[in-house]
Protein backbone atom coordinates (compact mmCIF):
# COMPACT_ATOMS: atom_id res chain seq x y z
CA MET A 1 -74.85 9.16 -25.42
CA ILE A 2 -72.64 10.77 -22.60
CA SER A 3 -72.22 14.42 -23.37
CA THR A 4 -68.69 16.41 -23.39
CA LYS A 5 -69.76 17.66 -20.15
CA GLY A 6 -70.22 14.50 -18.21
CA ARG A 7 -67.03 13.13 -20.11
CA TYR A 8 -65.00 16.73 -18.73
CA ALA A 9 -66.60 16.42 -15.33
CA LEU A 10 -64.84 13.06 -15.02
CA ARG A 11 -61.39 14.19 -16.03
CA VAL A 12 -61.91 16.78 -13.24
CA MET A 13 -62.86 14.72 -10.89
CA LEU A 14 -59.62 12.26 -12.00
CA ASP A 15 -57.38 15.56 -12.03
CA LEU A 16 -58.63 16.06 -8.67
CA ALA A 17 -58.26 12.36 -7.17
CA GLU A 18 -54.48 12.45 -8.44
CA GLN A 19 -53.55 15.62 -6.61
CA THR A 20 -55.41 14.61 -3.27
CA LYS A 21 -52.21 15.87 -1.47
CA LYS A 22 -51.96 18.86 -2.71
CA GLY A 23 -54.98 20.27 -1.40
CA TYR A 24 -56.85 22.68 -3.07
CA VAL A 25 -56.31 22.66 -6.86
CA PRO A 26 -56.70 25.90 -9.22
CA LEU A 27 -58.77 25.74 -11.73
CA LYS A 28 -56.42 27.15 -13.82
CA ASP A 29 -54.11 24.25 -13.40
CA ILE A 30 -56.84 21.57 -14.18
CA ALA A 31 -57.63 23.52 -17.31
CA GLU A 32 -54.32 23.17 -18.36
CA ARG A 33 -53.48 19.56 -17.60
CA GLN A 34 -56.94 18.61 -19.08
CA GLU A 35 -56.71 20.58 -22.12
CA ILE A 36 -60.39 22.21 -21.91
CA SER A 37 -61.11 25.66 -21.57
CA LYS A 38 -61.43 27.43 -17.94
CA LYS A 39 -64.43 28.84 -18.88
CA TYR A 40 -66.06 25.50 -20.02
CA LEU A 41 -64.71 23.95 -16.38
CA GLU A 42 -66.20 26.97 -14.45
CA ILE A 43 -69.78 25.50 -15.50
CA ILE A 44 -68.80 21.76 -15.05
CA VAL A 45 -67.18 22.57 -11.40
CA LYS A 46 -70.53 24.81 -10.22
CA ASP A 47 -72.41 21.34 -10.78
CA LEU A 48 -69.94 19.38 -8.83
CA VAL A 49 -69.96 21.56 -6.15
CA LYS A 50 -73.70 21.85 -6.22
CA GLY A 51 -73.91 18.12 -6.11
CA ASN A 52 -71.58 17.76 -3.17
CA LEU A 53 -68.81 15.90 -5.18
CA ILE A 54 -65.94 18.81 -4.71
CA LYS A 55 -65.93 21.56 -2.67
CA GLY A 56 -64.19 25.01 -3.69
CA SER A 57 -62.64 27.93 -1.89
CA SER A 58 -62.18 31.33 -3.32
CA GLY A 59 -58.50 33.42 -2.84
CA LYS A 60 -55.40 32.56 -2.30
CA GLY A 61 -54.49 28.78 -2.08
CA GLY A 62 -58.22 28.32 -3.43
CA GLY A 63 -59.46 26.06 -6.01
CA TYR A 64 -61.05 22.88 -5.95
CA MET A 65 -60.68 19.76 -4.13
CA LEU A 66 -62.39 16.40 -3.48
CA CYS A 67 -65.31 16.21 -0.55
CA ARG A 68 -64.66 12.33 -0.13
CA LYS A 69 -61.29 9.61 -0.66
CA PRO A 70 -61.09 8.91 -4.51
CA GLU A 71 -62.01 5.48 -3.67
CA GLU A 72 -65.26 6.67 -2.26
CA TYR A 73 -66.67 7.59 -5.85
CA SER A 74 -68.44 5.88 -8.53
CA VAL A 75 -67.86 6.70 -12.07
CA GLY A 76 -71.54 6.30 -12.04
CA GLU A 77 -72.54 8.64 -9.60
CA ILE A 78 -70.07 11.30 -11.63
CA ILE A 79 -71.87 10.91 -14.91
CA ASP A 80 -75.71 10.38 -13.22
CA LEU A 81 -75.06 14.04 -11.87
CA MET A 82 -73.82 15.75 -15.30
CA GLU A 83 -76.42 13.90 -17.53
CA ASN A 84 -79.38 13.51 -15.21
CA SER A 85 -79.99 10.46 -15.85
CA LEU A 86 -78.24 7.47 -17.81
CA THR A 87 -81.50 5.84 -19.27
CA ALA A 88 -81.16 4.71 -23.03
CA VAL A 89 -85.19 5.52 -23.55
CA ALA A 90 -87.37 8.62 -22.67
CA CYS A 91 -90.10 6.39 -21.22
CA LEU A 92 -87.60 4.75 -18.41
CA ALA A 93 -86.28 8.44 -17.65
CA PRO A 94 -87.15 9.26 -13.65
CA ASP A 95 -89.25 12.07 -14.44
CA ALA A 96 -91.17 10.40 -17.34
CA LYS A 97 -94.82 10.13 -17.39
CA GLU A 98 -96.01 6.64 -17.24
CA CYS A 99 -96.24 5.11 -20.93
CA PRO A 100 -99.93 4.47 -21.61
CA ARG A 101 -98.32 1.27 -23.59
CA ALA A 102 -95.82 0.03 -20.56
CA LYS A 103 -98.22 -3.07 -20.25
CA GLU A 104 -98.29 -4.28 -24.06
CA CYS A 105 -94.64 -3.15 -24.98
CA ARG A 106 -92.49 -6.00 -25.86
CA THR A 107 -89.33 -4.07 -25.93
CA LEU A 108 -89.62 -2.41 -22.34
CA PRO A 109 -87.77 -5.36 -20.71
CA LEU A 110 -84.96 -4.84 -23.23
CA TRP A 111 -84.55 -1.60 -22.44
CA HIS A 112 -85.00 -2.14 -18.74
CA GLU A 113 -82.43 -4.91 -18.59
CA TYR A 114 -79.89 -2.39 -21.11
CA ASP A 115 -80.42 0.13 -18.42
CA GLU A 116 -79.40 -2.20 -15.52
CA LEU A 117 -76.24 -3.27 -17.12
CA VAL A 118 -75.30 0.41 -17.98
CA HIS A 119 -75.84 1.31 -14.29
CA ASN A 120 -74.02 -1.48 -12.67
CA PHE A 121 -71.03 -1.20 -14.73
CA PHE A 122 -70.33 2.65 -14.29
CA TYR A 123 -71.42 2.50 -10.52
CA SER A 124 -69.07 -0.42 -10.02
CA LYS A 125 -66.52 1.39 -11.26
CA LYS A 126 -64.43 4.01 -8.85
CA LEU A 127 -62.11 6.57 -9.88
CA THR A 128 -59.49 5.02 -8.37
CA ASP A 129 -59.69 2.31 -11.30
CA LEU A 130 -58.63 5.01 -13.29
CA ILE A 131 -56.09 6.01 -11.97
């Protein structure tokens, strides 16, 4: 399941994509348009900046903006950053220890296939597809 943080991050990115010609966008404006608490958005934009998806500027005329063109962002990279992983089961998570039952697990191929479908779906969608 994708968390509120992941869904809101996508909304922030969409908002910024729609405002690209305006330069830096104040967080309070994003919060108002998206009807999300500015306090919660501060946490989200911090992660987006750390992940190099957006950049920020403080002071007069400051705010946030995309680092790249909107069509260069996939939905998958945004969700992956915020969720740390889109894997369906713990044994397939990037930081998981090798499962001792992996060789005889008859459900593992199912989970691999499911994860591949989810990954391909989200990575095939660009921000511009949602605008």
